PDB file of N, CA and C in Angstrom:
ATOM      1  N   MET A   1     128.067 158.661  69.207  1.00  0.00           N
ATOM      2  CA  MET A   1     127.128 159.697  68.841  1.00  0.00           C
ATOM      3  C   MET A   1     127.909 160.993  68.587  1.00  0.00           C
ATOM      4  N   PHE A   2     127.524 161.722  67.552  1.00  0.00           N
ATOM      5  CA  PHE A   2     128.128 163.020  67.293  1.00  0.00           C
ATOM      6  C   PHE A   2     127.328 164.099  67.996  1.00  0.00           C
ATOM      7  N   VAL A   3     128.028 165.045  68.592  1.00  0.00           N
ATOM      8  CA  VAL A   3     127.397 166.186  69.240  1.00  0.00           C
ATOM      9  C   VAL A   3     128.044 167.461  68.705  1.00  0.00           C
ATOM     10  N   TRP A   4     127.313 168.539  68.792  1.00  0.00           N
ATOM     11  CA  TRP A   4     127.762 169.849  68.304  1.00  0.00           C
ATOM     12  C   TRP A   4     127.998 170.757  69.494  1.00  0.00           C
ATOM     13  N   ARG A   5     129.010 171.619  69.381  1.00  0.00           N
ATOM     14  CA  ARG A   5     129.356 172.524  70.482  1.00  0.00           C
ATOM     15  C   ARG A   5     129.950 173.802  69.912  1.00  0.00           C
ATOM     16  N   VAL A   6     129.747 174.909  70.602  1.00  0.00           N
ATOM     17  CA  VAL A   6     130.391 176.177  70.284  1.00  0.00           C
ATOM     18  C   VAL A   6     131.489 176.381  71.317  1.00  0.00           C
ATOM     19  N   GLN A   7     132.730 176.573  70.839  1.00  0.00           N
ATOM     20  CA  GLN A   7     133.846 176.755  71.764  1.00  0.00           C
ATOM     21  C   GLN A   7     134.990 177.478  71.064  1.00  0.00           C
ATOM     22  N   ASN A   8     135.948 177.947  71.882  1.00  0.00           N
ATOM     23  CA  ASN A   8     137.146 178.561  71.309  1.00  0.00           C
ATOM     24  C   ASN A   8     138.255 177.513  71.207  1.00  0.00           C
ATOM     25  N   GLU A   9     139.417 177.939  70.763  1.00  0.00           N
ATOM     26  CA  GLU A   9     140.509 176.976  70.552  1.00  0.00           C
ATOM     27  C   GLU A   9     140.985 176.310  71.831  1.00  0.00           C
ATOM     28  N   LYS A  10     140.666 176.888  72.986  1.00  0.00           N
ATOM     29  CA  LYS A  10     141.025 176.285  74.274  1.00  0.00           C
ATOM     30  C   LYS A  10     139.940 175.335  74.790  1.00  0.00           C
ATOM     31  N   GLY A  11     138.855 175.206  74.031  1.00  0.00           N
ATOM     32  CA  GLY A  11     137.769 174.324  74.448  1.00  0.00           C
ATOM     33  C   GLY A  11     136.776 174.970  75.388  1.00  0.00           C
ATOM     34  N   ILE A  12     136.841 176.294  75.524  1.00  0.00           N
ATOM     35  CA  ILE A  12     135.954 177.029  76.431  1.00  0.00           C
ATOM     36  C   ILE A  12     134.734 177.507  75.654  1.00  0.00           C
ATOM     37  N   GLY A  13     133.555 177.306  76.223  1.00  0.00           N
ATOM     38  CA  GLY A  13     132.307 177.732  75.592  1.00  0.00           C
ATOM     39  C   GLY A  13     132.016 179.204  75.815  1.00  0.00           C
ATOM     40  N   PRO A  14     131.065 179.764  75.076  1.00  0.00           N
ATOM     41  CA  PRO A  14     130.797 181.202  75.118  1.00  0.00           C
ATOM     42  C   PRO A  14     130.141 181.711  76.398  1.00  0.00           C
ATOM     43  N   TYR A  15     129.624 180.827  77.235  1.00  0.00           N
ATOM     44  CA  TYR A  15     129.017 181.282  78.484  1.00  0.00           C
ATOM     45  C   TYR A  15     130.043 181.411  79.606  1.00  0.00           C
ATOM     46  N   MET A  16     131.228 180.922  79.386  1.00  0.00           N
ATOM     47  CA  MET A  16     132.267 181.016  80.404  1.00  0.00           C
ATOM     48  C   MET A  16     133.051 182.306  80.182  1.00  0.00           C
ATOM     49  N   GLY A  17     133.318 183.035  81.238  1.00  0.00           N
ATOM     50  CA  GLY A  17     134.133 184.233  81.126  1.00  0.00           C
ATOM     51  C   GLY A  17     133.358 185.532  81.052  1.00  0.00           C
ATOM     52  N   GLY A  18     132.053 185.460  80.885  1.00  0.00           N
ATOM     53  CA  GLY A  18     131.224 186.644  81.008  1.00  0.00           C
ATOM     54  C   GLY A  18     131.156 187.609  79.840  1.00  0.00           C
ATOM     55  N   ALA A  19     131.809 187.368  78.716  1.00  0.00           N
ATOM     56  CA  ALA A  19     131.720 188.273  77.561  1.00  0.00           C
ATOM     57  C   ALA A  19     130.497 187.895  76.741  1.00  0.00           C
ATOM     58  N   TRP A  20     129.385 188.526  77.037  1.00  0.00           N
ATOM     59  CA  TRP A  20     128.122 188.136  76.419  1.00  0.00           C
ATOM     60  C   TRP A  20     127.663 189.121  75.356  1.00  0.00           C
ATOM     61  N   ASP A  21     128.548 189.951  74.826  1.00  0.00           N
ATOM     62  CA  ASP A  21     128.124 190.943  73.839  1.00  0.00           C
ATOM     63  C   ASP A  21     127.812 190.334  72.476  1.00  0.00           C
ATOM     64  N   TRP A  22     127.969 189.032  72.347  1.00  0.00           N
ATOM     65  CA  TRP A  22     127.631 188.333  71.115  1.00  0.00           C
ATOM     66  C   TRP A  22     126.134 188.064  70.992  1.00  0.00           C
ATOM     67  N   MET A  23     125.398 188.217  72.070  1.00  0.00           N
ATOM     68  CA  MET A  23     123.985 187.845  72.072  1.00  0.00           C
ATOM     69  C   MET A  23     123.126 188.845  71.324  1.00  0.00           C
ATOM     70  N   ASP A  24     122.213 188.332  70.509  1.00  0.00           N
ATOM     71  CA  ASP A  24     121.211 189.186  69.871  1.00  0.00           C
ATOM     72  C   ASP A  24     120.247 189.714  70.920  1.00  0.00           C
ATOM     73  N   ASP A  25     119.894 188.855  71.842  1.00  0.00           N
ATOM     74  CA  ASP A  25     118.915 189.195  72.869  1.00  0.00           C
ATOM     75  C   ASP A  25     119.323 188.494  74.154  1.00  0.00           C
ATOM     76  N   GLU A  26     119.990 189.240  75.038  1.00  0.00           N
ATOM     77  CA  GLU A  26     120.504 188.643  76.276  1.00  0.00           C
ATOM     78  C   GLU A  26     119.394 187.999  77.089  1.00  0.00           C
ATOM     79  N   ILE A  27     118.207 188.607  77.068  1.00  0.00           N
ATOM     80  CA  ILE A  27     117.083 188.064  77.834  1.00  0.00           C
ATOM     81  C   ILE A  27     116.739 186.655  77.357  1.00  0.00           C
ATOM     82  N   LYS A  28     116.816 186.420  76.047  1.00  0.00           N
ATOM     83  CA  LYS A  28     116.513 185.097  75.490  1.00  0.00           C
ATOM     84  C   LYS A  28     117.371 184.021  76.149  1.00  0.00           C
ATOM     85  N   HIS A  29     118.601 184.351  76.439  1.00  0.00           N
ATOM     86  CA  HIS A  29     119.532 183.355  76.968  1.00  0.00           C
ATOM     87  C   HIS A  29     119.432 183.136  78.470  1.00  0.00           C
ATOM     88  N   ILE A  30     118.539 183.826  79.124  1.00  0.00           N
ATOM     89  CA  ILE A  30     118.321 183.549  80.546  1.00  0.00           C
ATOM     90  C   ILE A  30     116.894 183.093  80.807  1.00  0.00           C
ATOM     91  N   LYS A  31     116.119 182.915  79.751  1.00  0.00           N
ATOM     92  CA  LYS A  31     114.752 182.420  79.886  1.00  0.00           C
ATOM     93  C   LYS A  31     114.741 180.900  79.972  1.00  0.00           C
ATOM     94  N   SER A  32     113.578 180.356  80.194  1.00  0.00           N
ATOM     95  CA  SER A  32     113.452 178.921  80.403  1.00  0.00           C
ATOM     96  C   SER A  32     113.787 178.084  79.176  1.00  0.00           C
ATOM     97  N   ASP A  33     113.791 178.678  77.960  1.00  0.00           N
ATOM     98  CA  ASP A  33     114.149 177.878  76.794  1.00  0.00           C
ATOM     99  C   ASP A  33     115.658 177.833  76.569  1.00  0.00           C
ATOM    100  N   HIS A  34     116.437 178.436  77.461  1.00  0.00           N
ATOM    101  CA  HIS A  34     117.901 178.371  77.446  1.00  0.00           C
ATOM    102  C   HIS A  34     118.405 178.099  78.867  1.00  0.00           C
ATOM    103  N   PRO A  35     117.933 177.006  79.465  1.00  0.00           N
ATOM    104  CA  PRO A  35     118.286 176.785  80.869  1.00  0.00           C
ATOM    105  C   PRO A  35     119.723 176.318  81.046  1.00  0.00           C
ATOM    106  N   PRO A  36     120.339 176.693  82.156  1.00  0.00           N
ATOM    107  CA  PRO A  36     121.633 176.090  82.494  1.00  0.00           C
ATOM    108  C   PRO A  36     121.431 174.586  82.658  1.00  0.00           C
ATOM    109  N   VAL A  37     122.484 173.850  82.492  1.00  0.00           N
ATOM    110  CA  VAL A  37     122.391 172.390  82.533  1.00  0.00           C
ATOM    111  C   VAL A  37     121.802 171.897  83.857  1.00  0.00           C
ATOM    112  N   PHE A  38     122.071 172.624  84.944  1.00  0.00           N
ATOM    113  CA  PHE A  38     121.591 172.160  86.247  1.00  0.00           C
ATOM    114  C   PHE A  38     120.113 172.427  86.488  1.00  0.00           C
ATOM    115  N   VAL A  39     119.414 173.051  85.533  1.00  0.00           N
ATOM    116  CA  VAL A  39     117.952 173.180  85.635  1.00  0.00           C
ATOM    117  C   VAL A  39     117.233 172.663  84.389  1.00  0.00           C
ATOM    118  N   ASP A  40     117.944 172.039  83.472  1.00  0.00           N
ATOM    119  CA  ASP A  40     117.330 171.385  82.308  1.00  0.00           C
ATOM    120  C   ASP A  40     116.773 170.063  82.823  1.00  0.00           C
ATOM    121  N   SER A  41     115.454 169.988  82.966  1.00  0.00           N
ATOM    122  CA  SER A  41     114.816 168.956  83.788  1.00  0.00           C
ATOM    123  C   SER A  41     115.330 167.528  83.607  1.00  0.00           C
ATOM    124  N   PRO A  42     115.545 167.017  82.413  1.00  0.00           N
ATOM    125  CA  PRO A  42     116.046 165.638  82.347  1.00  0.00           C
ATOM    126  C   PRO A  42     117.471 165.465  82.885  1.00  0.00           C
ATOM    127  N   LEU A  43     118.230 166.554  83.027  1.00  0.00           N
ATOM    128  CA  LEU A  43     119.621 166.458  83.460  1.00  0.00           C
ATOM    129  C   LEU A  43     119.838 166.766  84.934  1.00  0.00           C
ATOM    130  N   ILE A  44     118.845 167.345  85.588  1.00  0.00           N
ATOM    131  CA  ILE A  44     119.027 167.848  86.952  1.00  0.00           C
ATOM    132  C   ILE A  44     119.564 166.776  87.903  1.00  0.00           C
ATOM    133  N   LYS A  45     118.889 165.654  87.985  1.00  0.00           N
ATOM    134  CA  LYS A  45     119.262 164.618  88.954  1.00  0.00           C
ATOM    135  C   LYS A  45     120.680 164.113  88.690  1.00  0.00           C
ATOM    136  N   PHE A  46     120.995 163.849  87.417  1.00  0.00           N
ATOM    137  CA  PHE A  46     122.329 163.370  87.075  1.00  0.00           C
ATOM    138  C   PHE A  46     123.379 164.412  87.436  1.00  0.00           C
ATOM    139  N   TRP A  47     123.152 165.676  87.047  1.00  0.00           N
ATOM    140  CA  TRP A  47     124.121 166.753  87.280  1.00  0.00           C
ATOM    141  C   TRP A  47     124.358 166.976  88.772  1.00  0.00           C
ATOM    142  N   MET A  48     123.280 166.995  89.534  1.00  0.00           N
ATOM    143  CA  MET A  48     123.394 167.278  90.962  1.00  0.00           C
ATOM    144  C   MET A  48     123.993 166.107  91.738  1.00  0.00           C
ATOM    145  N   SER A  49     123.996 164.917  91.156  1.00  0.00           N
ATOM    146  CA  SER A  49     124.563 163.758  91.849  1.00  0.00           C
ATOM    147  C   SER A  49     126.089 163.731  91.788  1.00  0.00           C
ATOM    148  N   MET A  50     126.673 164.581  90.959  1.00  0.00           N
ATOM    149  CA  MET A  50     128.131 164.582  90.796  1.00  0.00           C
ATOM    150  C   MET A  50     128.807 165.623  91.669  1.00  0.00           C
ATOM    151  N   GLN A  51     130.041 165.329  92.030  1.00  0.00           N
ATOM    152  CA  GLN A  51     130.908 166.319  92.668  1.00  0.00           C
ATOM    153  C   GLN A  51     131.359 167.305  91.588  1.00  0.00           C
ATOM    154  N   SER A  52     131.754 168.506  91.976  1.00  0.00           N
ATOM    155  CA  SER A  52     132.165 169.495  90.976  1.00  0.00           C
ATOM    156  C   SER A  52     133.360 169.021  90.155  1.00  0.00           C
ATOM    157  N   SER A  53     134.241 168.233  90.742  1.00  0.00           N
ATOM    158  CA  SER A  53     135.381 167.717  89.975  1.00  0.00           C
ATOM    159  C   SER A  53     134.909 166.783  88.856  1.00  0.00           C
ATOM    160  N   GLU A  54     133.835 166.046  89.097  1.00  0.00           N
ATOM    161  CA  GLU A  54     133.264 165.184  88.061  1.00  0.00           C
ATOM    162  C   GLU A  54     132.575 166.016  86.983  1.00  0.00           C
ATOM    163  N   ARG A  55     131.893 167.076  87.390  1.00  0.00           N
ATOM    164  CA  ARG A  55     131.184 167.937  86.430  1.00  0.00           C
ATOM    165  C   ARG A  55     132.140 168.550  85.423  1.00  0.00           C
ATOM    166  N   ASN A  56     133.358 168.818  85.851  1.00  0.00           N
ATOM    167  CA  ASN A  56     134.345 169.428  84.954  1.00  0.00           C
ATOM    168  C   ASN A  56     134.727 168.522  83.783  1.00  0.00           C
ATOM    169  N   LEU A  57     134.400 167.243  83.869  1.00  0.00           N
ATOM    170  CA  LEU A  57     134.704 166.307  82.788  1.00  0.00           C
ATOM    171  C   LEU A  57     133.658 166.351  81.672  1.00  0.00           C
ATOM    172  N   TRP A  58     132.535 167.003  81.931  1.00  0.00           N
ATOM    173  CA  TRP A  58     131.421 167.058  80.987  1.00  0.00           C
ATOM    174  C   TRP A  58     131.380 168.414  80.292  1.00  0.00           C
ATOM    175  N   LYS A  59     131.007 168.417  79.033  1.00  0.00           N
ATOM    176  CA  LYS A  59     130.829 169.648  78.259  1.00  0.00           C
ATOM    177  C   LYS A  59     129.383 169.731  77.803  1.00  0.00           C
ATOM    178  N   CYS A  60     128.922 170.945  77.593  1.00  0.00           N
ATOM    179  CA  CYS A  60     127.570 171.165  77.083  1.00  0.00           C
ATOM    180  C   CYS A  60     127.610 171.283  75.570  1.00  0.00           C
ATOM    181  N   GLY A  61     126.584 170.789  74.930  1.00  0.00           N
ATOM    182  CA  GLY A  61     126.494 170.869  73.480  1.00  0.00           C
ATOM    183  C   GLY A  61     125.083 170.565  73.024  1.00  0.00           C
ATOM    184  N   PHE A  62     124.987 170.089  71.785  1.00  0.00           N
ATOM    185  CA  PHE A  62     123.693 169.867  71.164  1.00  0.00           C
ATOM    186  C   PHE A  62     123.701 168.558  70.381  1.00  0.00           C
ATOM    187  N   LYS A  63     122.556 167.898  70.337  1.00  0.00           N
ATOM    188  CA  LYS A  63     122.477 166.606  69.662  1.00  0.00           C
ATOM    189  C   LYS A  63     122.360 166.738  68.150  1.00  0.00           C
ATOM    190  N   SER A  64     122.099 167.945  67.654  1.00  0.00           N
ATOM    191  CA  SER A  64     121.948 168.142  66.215  1.00  0.00           C
ATOM    192  C   SER A  64     122.233 169.596  65.860  1.00  0.00           C
ATOM    193  N   ARG A  65     122.454 169.830  64.585  1.00  0.00           N
ATOM    194  CA  ARG A  65     122.610 171.214  64.116  1.00  0.00           C
ATOM    195  C   ARG A  65     121.330 171.988  64.354  1.00  0.00           C
ATOM    196  N   GLU A  66     120.198 171.322  64.204  1.00  0.00           N
ATOM    197  CA  GLU A  66     118.910 171.989  64.401  1.00  0.00           C
ATOM    198  C   GLU A  66     118.751 172.447  65.846  1.00  0.00           C
ATOM    199  N   GLN A  67     119.165 171.604  66.787  1.00  0.00           N
ATOM    200  CA  GLN A  67     119.066 171.994  68.193  1.00  0.00           C
ATOM    201  C   GLN A  67     120.012 173.162  68.481  1.00  0.00           C
ATOM    202  N   LEU A  68     121.206 173.136  67.903  1.00  0.00           N
ATOM    203  CA  LEU A  68     122.151 174.230  68.068  1.00  0.00           C
ATOM    204  C   LEU A  68     121.561 175.537  67.537  1.00  0.00           C
ATOM    205  N   LEU A  69     120.909 175.469  66.370  1.00  0.00           N
ATOM    206  CA  LEU A  69     120.341 176.675  65.765  1.00  0.00           C
ATOM    207  C   LEU A  69     119.066 177.147  66.456  1.00  0.00           C
ATOM    208  N   THR A  70     118.475 176.310  67.262  1.00  0.00           N
ATOM    209  CA  THR A  70     117.366 176.757  68.102  1.00  0.00           C
ATOM    210  C   THR A  70     117.913 177.591  69.258  1.00  0.00           C
ATOM    211  N   TRP A  71     119.102 177.243  69.705  1.00  0.00           N
ATOM    212  CA  TRP A  71     119.732 177.934  70.834  1.00  0.00           C
ATOM    213  C   TRP A  71     120.429 179.215  70.380  1.00  0.00           C
ATOM    214  N   PHE A  72     121.231 179.120  69.326  1.00  0.00           N
ATOM    215  CA  PHE A  72     121.989 180.261  68.809  1.00  0.00           C
ATOM    216  C   PHE A  72     121.457 180.663  67.445  1.00  0.00           C
ATOM    217  N   SER A  73     121.321 181.977  67.215  1.00  0.00           N
ATOM    218  CA  SER A  73     120.956 182.450  65.882  1.00  0.00           C
ATOM    219  C   SER A  73     122.208 182.478  64.996  1.00  0.00           C
ATOM    220  N   ILE A  74     122.011 182.539  63.693  1.00  0.00           N
ATOM    221  CA  ILE A  74     123.138 182.652  62.766  1.00  0.00           C
ATOM    222  C   ILE A  74     123.928 183.927  63.070  1.00  0.00           C
ATOM    223  N   ASP A  75     123.238 185.025  63.371  1.00  0.00           N
ATOM    224  CA  ASP A  75     123.931 186.281  63.711  1.00  0.00           C
ATOM    225  C   ASP A  75     124.781 186.124  64.963  1.00  0.00           C
ATOM    226  N   GLU A  76     124.253 185.434  65.965  1.00  0.00           N
ATOM    227  CA  GLU A  76     125.028 185.202  67.180  1.00  0.00           C
ATOM    228  C   GLU A  76     126.259 184.356  66.881  1.00  0.00           C
ATOM    229  N   LEU A  77     126.102 183.350  66.051  1.00  0.00           N
ATOM    230  CA  LEU A  77     127.241 182.503  65.701  1.00  0.00           C
ATOM    231  C   LEU A  77     128.303 183.291  64.939  1.00  0.00           C
ATOM    232  N   ALA A  78     127.872 184.224  64.092  1.00  0.00           N
ATOM    233  CA  ALA A  78     128.831 185.067  63.371  1.00  0.00           C
ATOM    234  C   ALA A  78     129.592 185.961  64.348  1.00  0.00           C
ATOM    235  N   LYS A  79     128.889 186.538  65.326  1.00  0.00           N
ATOM    236  CA  LYS A  79     129.544 187.364  66.344  1.00  0.00           C
ATOM    237  C   LYS A  79     130.507 186.530  67.185  1.00  0.00           C
ATOM    238  N   LEU A  80     130.085 185.337  67.522  1.00  0.00           N
ATOM    239  CA  LEU A  80     130.957 184.442  68.290  1.00  0.00           C
ATOM    240  C   LEU A  80     132.213 184.097  67.499  1.00  0.00           C
ATOM    241  N   ASN A  81     132.062 183.894  66.206  1.00  0.00           N
ATOM    242  CA  ASN A  81     133.211 183.581  65.366  1.00  0.00           C
ATOM    243  C   ASN A  81     134.223 184.718  65.397  1.00  0.00           C
ATOM    244  N   LEU A  82     133.752 185.948  65.400  1.00  0.00           N
ATOM    245  CA  LEU A  82     134.648 187.103  65.467  1.00  0.00           C
ATOM    246  C   LEU A  82     135.414 187.149  66.786  1.00  0.00           C
ATOM    247  N   GLN A  83     134.870 186.515  67.807  1.00  0.00           N
ATOM    248  CA  GLN A  83     135.524 186.448  69.115  1.00  0.00           C
ATOM    249  C   GLN A  83     136.316 185.149  69.297  1.00  0.00           C
ATOM    250  N   GLY A  84     136.467 184.386  68.226  1.00  0.00           N
ATOM    251  CA  GLY A  84     137.295 183.181  68.293  1.00  0.00           C
ATOM    252  C   GLY A  84     136.557 181.893  68.594  1.00  0.00           C
ATOM    253  N   PHE A  85     135.229 181.930  68.593  1.00  0.00           N
ATOM    254  CA  PHE A  85     134.444 180.723  68.843  1.00  0.00           C
ATOM    255  C   PHE A  85     134.033 180.096  67.522  1.00  0.00           C
ATOM    256  N   LYS A  86     134.014 178.764  67.503  1.00  0.00           N
ATOM    257  CA  LYS A  86     133.596 178.030  66.317  1.00  0.00           C
ATOM    258  C   LYS A  86     132.613 176.939  66.719  1.00  0.00           C
ATOM    259  N   VAL A  87     131.833 176.517  65.749  1.00  0.00           N
ATOM    260  CA  VAL A  87     130.986 175.354  65.951  1.00  0.00           C
ATOM    261  C   VAL A  87     131.803 174.141  65.552  1.00  0.00           C
ATOM    262  N   VAL A  88     131.889 173.187  66.457  1.00  0.00           N
ATOM    263  CA  VAL A  88     132.664 171.977  66.201  1.00  0.00           C
ATOM    264  C   VAL A  88     131.801 170.756  66.499  1.00  0.00           C
ATOM    265  N   ALA A  89     132.138 169.655  65.859  1.00  0.00           N
ATOM    266  CA  ALA A  89     131.460 168.386  66.107  1.00  0.00           C
ATOM    267  C   ALA A  89     132.416 167.464  66.847  1.00  0.00           C
ATOM    268  N   PHE A  90     131.876 166.743  67.798  1.00  0.00           N
ATOM    269  CA  PHE A  90     132.646 165.782  68.577  1.00  0.00           C
ATOM    270  C   PHE A  90     132.006 164.412  68.429  1.00  0.00           C
ATOM    271  N   GLU A  91     132.818 163.398  68.554  1.00  0.00           N
ATOM    272  CA  GLU A  91     132.296 162.065  68.725  1.00  0.00           C
ATOM    273  C   GLU A  91     132.361 161.793  70.225  1.00  0.00           C
ATOM    274  N   ALA A  92     131.251 161.375  70.786  1.00  0.00           N
ATOM    275  CA  ALA A  92     131.182 161.169  72.228  1.00  0.00           C
ATOM    276  C   ALA A  92     130.587 159.803  72.529  1.00  0.00           C
ATOM    277  N   ASP A  93     131.146 159.134  73.518  1.00  0.00           N
ATOM    278  CA  ASP A  93     130.599 157.852  73.965  1.00  0.00           C
ATOM    279  C   ASP A  93     129.524 158.071  75.017  1.00  0.00           C
ATOM    280  N   GLU A  94     129.792 158.999  75.913  1.00  0.00           N
ATOM    281  CA  GLU A  94     128.860 159.261  77.005  1.00  0.00           C
ATOM    282  C   GLU A  94     128.122 160.550  76.716  1.00  0.00           C
ATOM    283  N   VAL A  95     126.823 160.441  76.489  1.00  0.00           N
ATOM    284  CA  VAL A  95     125.981 161.601  76.204  1.00  0.00           C
ATOM    285  C   VAL A  95     124.728 161.484  77.064  1.00  0.00           C
ATOM    286  N   LYS A  96     124.380 162.568  77.737  1.00  0.00           N
ATOM    287  CA  LYS A  96     123.137 162.648  78.503  1.00  0.00           C
ATOM    288  C   LYS A  96     122.301 163.745  77.858  1.00  0.00           C
ATOM    289  N   GLU A  97     121.080 163.408  77.484  1.00  0.00           N
ATOM    290  CA  GLU A  97     120.218 164.363  76.797  1.00  0.00           C
ATOM    291  C   GLU A  97     119.294 165.075  77.755  1.00  0.00           C
ATOM    292  N   GLY A  98     119.306 166.404  77.652  1.00  0.00           N
ATOM    293  CA  GLY A  98     118.337 167.222  78.341  1.00  0.00           C
ATOM    294  C   GLY A  98     117.239 167.592  77.371  1.00  0.00           C
ATOM    295  N   GLU A  99     116.344 168.437  77.815  1.00  0.00           N
ATOM    296  CA  GLU A  99     115.273 168.884  76.929  1.00  0.00           C
ATOM    297  C   GLU A  99     115.801 169.850  75.871  1.00  0.00           C
ATOM    298  N   TYR A 100     116.802 170.670  76.213  1.00  0.00           N
ATOM    299  CA  TYR A 100     117.288 171.725  75.330  1.00  0.00           C
ATOM    300  C   TYR A 100     118.730 171.547  74.872  1.00  0.00           C
ATOM    301  N   GLN A 101     119.450 170.642  75.502  1.00  0.00           N
ATOM    302  CA  GLN A 101     120.881 170.492  75.243  1.00  0.00           C
ATOM    303  C   GLN A 101     121.323 169.097  75.657  1.00  0.00           C
ATOM    304  N   VAL A 102     122.565 168.798  75.386  1.00  0.00           N
ATOM    305  CA  VAL A 102     123.161 167.563  75.875  1.00  0.00           C
ATOM    306  C   VAL A 102     124.403 167.916  76.674  1.00  0.00           C
ATOM    307  N   ILE A 103     124.809 166.998  77.515  1.00  0.00           N
ATOM    308  CA  ILE A 103     126.137 167.070  78.111  1.00  0.00           C
ATOM    309  C   ILE A 103     126.854 165.810  77.661  1.00  0.00           C
ATOM    310  N   PHE A 104     128.156 165.912  77.511  1.00  0.00           N
ATOM    311  CA  PHE A 104     128.892 164.786  76.968  1.00  0.00           C
ATOM    312  C   PHE A 104     130.324 164.783  77.451  1.00  0.00           C
ATOM    313  N   LYS A 105     130.917 163.608  77.386  1.00  0.00           N
ATOM    314  CA  LYS A 105     132.353 163.466  77.591  1.00  0.00           C
ATOM    315  C   LYS A 105     132.970 163.300  76.210  1.00  0.00           C
ATOM    316  N   GLU A 106     133.929 164.113  75.935  1.00  0.00           N
ATOM    317  CA  GLU A 106     134.583 164.156  74.632  1.00  0.00           C
ATOM    318  C   GLU A 106     135.357 162.871  74.379  1.00  0.00           C
ATOM    319  N   ARG A 107     135.155 162.281  73.210  1.00  0.00           N
ATOM    320  CA  ARG A 107     135.923 161.094  72.824  1.00  0.00           C
ATOM    321  C   ARG A 107     136.966 161.453  71.781  1.00  0.00           C
ATOM    322  N   SER A 108     136.616 162.334  70.863  1.00  0.00           N
ATOM    323  CA  SER A 108     137.537 162.699  69.797  1.00  0.00           C
ATOM    324  C   SER A 108     137.802 164.184  69.833  1.00  0.00           C
ATOM    325  N   ASN A 109     138.832 164.601  69.144  1.00  0.00           N
ATOM    326  CA  ASN A 109     139.065 166.021  68.954  1.00  0.00           C
ATOM    327  C   ASN A 109     137.957 166.559  68.063  1.00  0.00           C
ATOM    328  N   PRO A 110     137.673 167.848  68.190  1.00  0.00           N
ATOM    329  CA  PRO A 110     136.654 168.405  67.303  1.00  0.00           C
ATOM    330  C   PRO A 110     137.093 168.275  65.849  1.00  0.00           C
ATOM    331  N   TYR A 111     136.139 168.175  64.976  1.00  0.00           N
ATOM    332  CA  TYR A 111     136.439 168.023  63.558  1.00  0.00           C
ATOM    333  C   TYR A 111     137.321 169.129  63.020  1.00  0.00           C
ATOM    334  N   GLU A 112     137.253 170.323  63.604  1.00  0.00           N
ATOM    335  CA  GLU A 112     138.066 171.417  63.069  1.00  0.00           C
ATOM    336  C   GLU A 112     139.548 171.062  63.080  1.00  0.00           C
ATOM    337  N   LYS A 113     139.978 170.241  63.997  1.00  0.00           N
ATOM    338  CA  LYS A 113     141.377 169.867  64.061  1.00  0.00           C
ATOM    339  C   LYS A 113     141.743 168.889  62.954  1.00  0.00           C
ATOM    340  N   HIS A 114     140.733 168.407  62.258  1.00  0.00           N
ATOM    341  CA  HIS A 114     140.949 167.478  61.154  1.00  0.00           C
ATOM    342  C   HIS A 114     140.605 168.138  59.823  1.00  0.00           C
ATOM    343  N   GLY A 115     140.597 169.459  59.790  1.00  0.00           N
ATOM    344  CA  GLY A 115     140.352 170.182  58.550  1.00  0.00           C
ATOM    345  C   GLY A 115     138.896 170.258  58.146  1.00  0.00           C
ATOM    346  N   GLN A 116     137.979 169.967  59.053  1.00  0.00           N
ATOM    347  CA  GLN A 116     136.563 170.010  58.722  1.00  0.00           C
ATOM    348  C   GLN A 116     135.844 171.002  59.631  1.00  0.00           C
ATOM    349  N   SER A 117     136.440 172.168  59.817  1.00  0.00           N
ATOM    350  CA  SER A 117     135.862 173.176  60.696  1.00  0.00           C
ATOM    351  C   SER A 117     134.496 173.608  60.186  1.00  0.00           C
ATOM    352  N   THR A 118     133.618 173.856  61.111  1.00  0.00           N
ATOM    353  CA  THR A 118     132.312 174.380  60.786  1.00  0.00           C
ATOM    354  C   THR A 118     132.279 175.802  61.318  1.00  0.00           C
ATOM    355  N   THR A 119     132.078 176.759  60.462  1.00  0.00           N
ATOM    356  CA  THR A 119     132.140 178.166  60.830  1.00  0.00           C
ATOM    357  C   THR A 119     130.751 178.787  60.814  1.00  0.00           C
ATOM    358  N   PRO A 120     130.594 180.062  61.180  1.00  0.00           N
ATOM    359  CA  PRO A 120     129.265 180.627  61.318  1.00  0.00           C
ATOM    360  C   PRO A 120     128.407 180.557  60.067  1.00  0.00           C
ATOM    361  N   ASN A 121     128.984 180.659  58.893  1.00  0.00           N
ATOM    362  CA  ASN A 121     128.131 180.506  57.718  1.00  0.00           C
ATOM    363  C   ASN A 121     127.743 179.044  57.551  1.00  0.00           C
ATOM    364  N   MET A 122     128.440 178.177  58.138  1.00  0.00           N
ATOM    365  CA  MET A 122     128.272 176.773  58.385  1.00  0.00           C
ATOM    366  C   MET A 122     127.361 175.979  57.512  1.00  0.00           C
ATOM    367  N   GLN A 123     127.191 176.356  56.360  1.00  0.00           N
ATOM    368  CA  GLN A 123     126.265 175.633  55.508  1.00  0.00           C
ATOM    369  C   GLN A 123     124.871 175.591  56.139  1.00  0.00           C
ATOM    370  N   PHE A 124     124.680 176.153  57.340  1.00  0.00           N
ATOM    371  CA  PHE A 124     123.394 176.107  57.998  1.00  0.00           C
ATOM    372  C   PHE A 124     122.383 177.014  57.317  1.00  0.00           C
ATOM    373  N   ALA A 125     122.858 178.146  56.827  1.00  0.00           N
ATOM    374  CA  ALA A 125     121.939 179.106  56.228  1.00  0.00           C
ATOM    375  C   ALA A 125     121.186 178.479  55.063  1.00  0.00           C
ATOM    376  N   ASN A 126     121.799 177.508  54.418  1.00  0.00           N
ATOM    377  CA  ASN A 126     121.181 176.879  53.268  1.00  0.00           C
ATOM    378  C   ASN A 126     120.591 175.511  53.567  1.00  0.00           C
ATOM    379  N   SER A 127     120.735 175.057  54.813  1.00  0.00           N
ATOM    380  CA  SER A 127     120.233 173.717  55.107  1.00  0.00           C
ATOM    381  C   SER A 127     118.807 173.799  55.626  1.00  0.00           C
ATOM    382  N   GLY A 128     118.115 172.704  55.505  1.00  0.00           N
ATOM    383  CA  GLY A 128     116.716 172.692  55.903  1.00  0.00           C
ATOM    384  C   GLY A 128     116.441 172.074  57.176  1.00  0.00           C
TER     385      GLY A 128
END
């Protein structure tokens, strides 16, 4: 299964490290439609059953471009790009779906490493 993720070249997502000035609306990202993985109802039991060392093997992402764009606006993605974050696609064998996001274990390198980087203009503005 392919999953989508926003991350920097080190594989770190935009919620790690506390630099949240990319957000259009910070409140939006702490409301119930942007829950942390440990409160996204379909994922809670699975997430809480793991030790923290096991949790570190999982990354957060999205099952589709549409789900990603529900979470992040195009403007937010452009701001993230200026801070070194890109939208990348992964092939994953292990994927657990939440209501708003997925968690996955990475199987392949992100497409950007294969010359197929997806950037903030990401063809998304024109896609339906």
